[in-house]
């Protein structure tokens, strides 16, 4: 992996990445560039990302087999909270392709040599904790709506959810609270992982940059989140197979969206 750079100002202090304003055109361009990265060697990327749809199928099978049907939707939707971790290798491939370096699929594994790996692990643990908390909250919402007893079958559970006041209440509160979790993850990670790979910055600096980018561009970042959510839902149909294409495209596009949101180090006067 190419040497990362420490961002410091003239006094030797850590300098904050500079955030810039973006618009809808930048989002569309990031998606276009992400698709171009994918088209460069799609078979490699599909291979890399097959683990994501396979993991989704395993989660669905496990939740049904263990009579955890009420957690099936929270598992599927919450698993997307871990998407930024799954896309780490794709960011690295886009980074290398951007610099004209060899971008063969095995270079995705080089993220393990990044000097920012401790920070990457720390943010990954944070996302994992949020995922677990989301599942716990989702379970509490189900219990508050239907009690402790498990549904007799998938069909009866679906019927109860769609045709009873308790079911509609669960859908409403589940989506409201789930939106909150998704918003927190989006705001704290929209540029965090790409920034950590691109520059040797501390965890707090990367998360702070992500939050500042979100507040500076609330509309575009919200639109980005909706596009990501919509494509992930589309990729889950049927049987998660579409994620083998959707995930790599979004992974590459996220790198380019990062480039739109954060001023390159050679231009921001940090060094």
Foldseek 3Di string as FASTA:
>chain_A
DDAFAQFAAPVRHRDFFDWDEDDPVLLVVLLVQLVVLCVVPVVLLLVLQPVVLVVLLVLQVVCQVVLVLLCNVLCLLLVVLLLLVSLQLLLQLLVQVVVVHDNGSVCSVVVVVQPLVVLVVVVSVVSVVLSVVLSVVLVVLCCVLPNDDGDPHNVRVVCCLPPHPSNVSSVVVNVVVSVVSLVLSLQQVLQQSSCVRRHVDHNVSSSVLSNVLCVSHVPVSVVLSVVLSVLQVVCPPDSNSNCSPSSSSNSSSSSSSSPNTTPDSVPPNSD
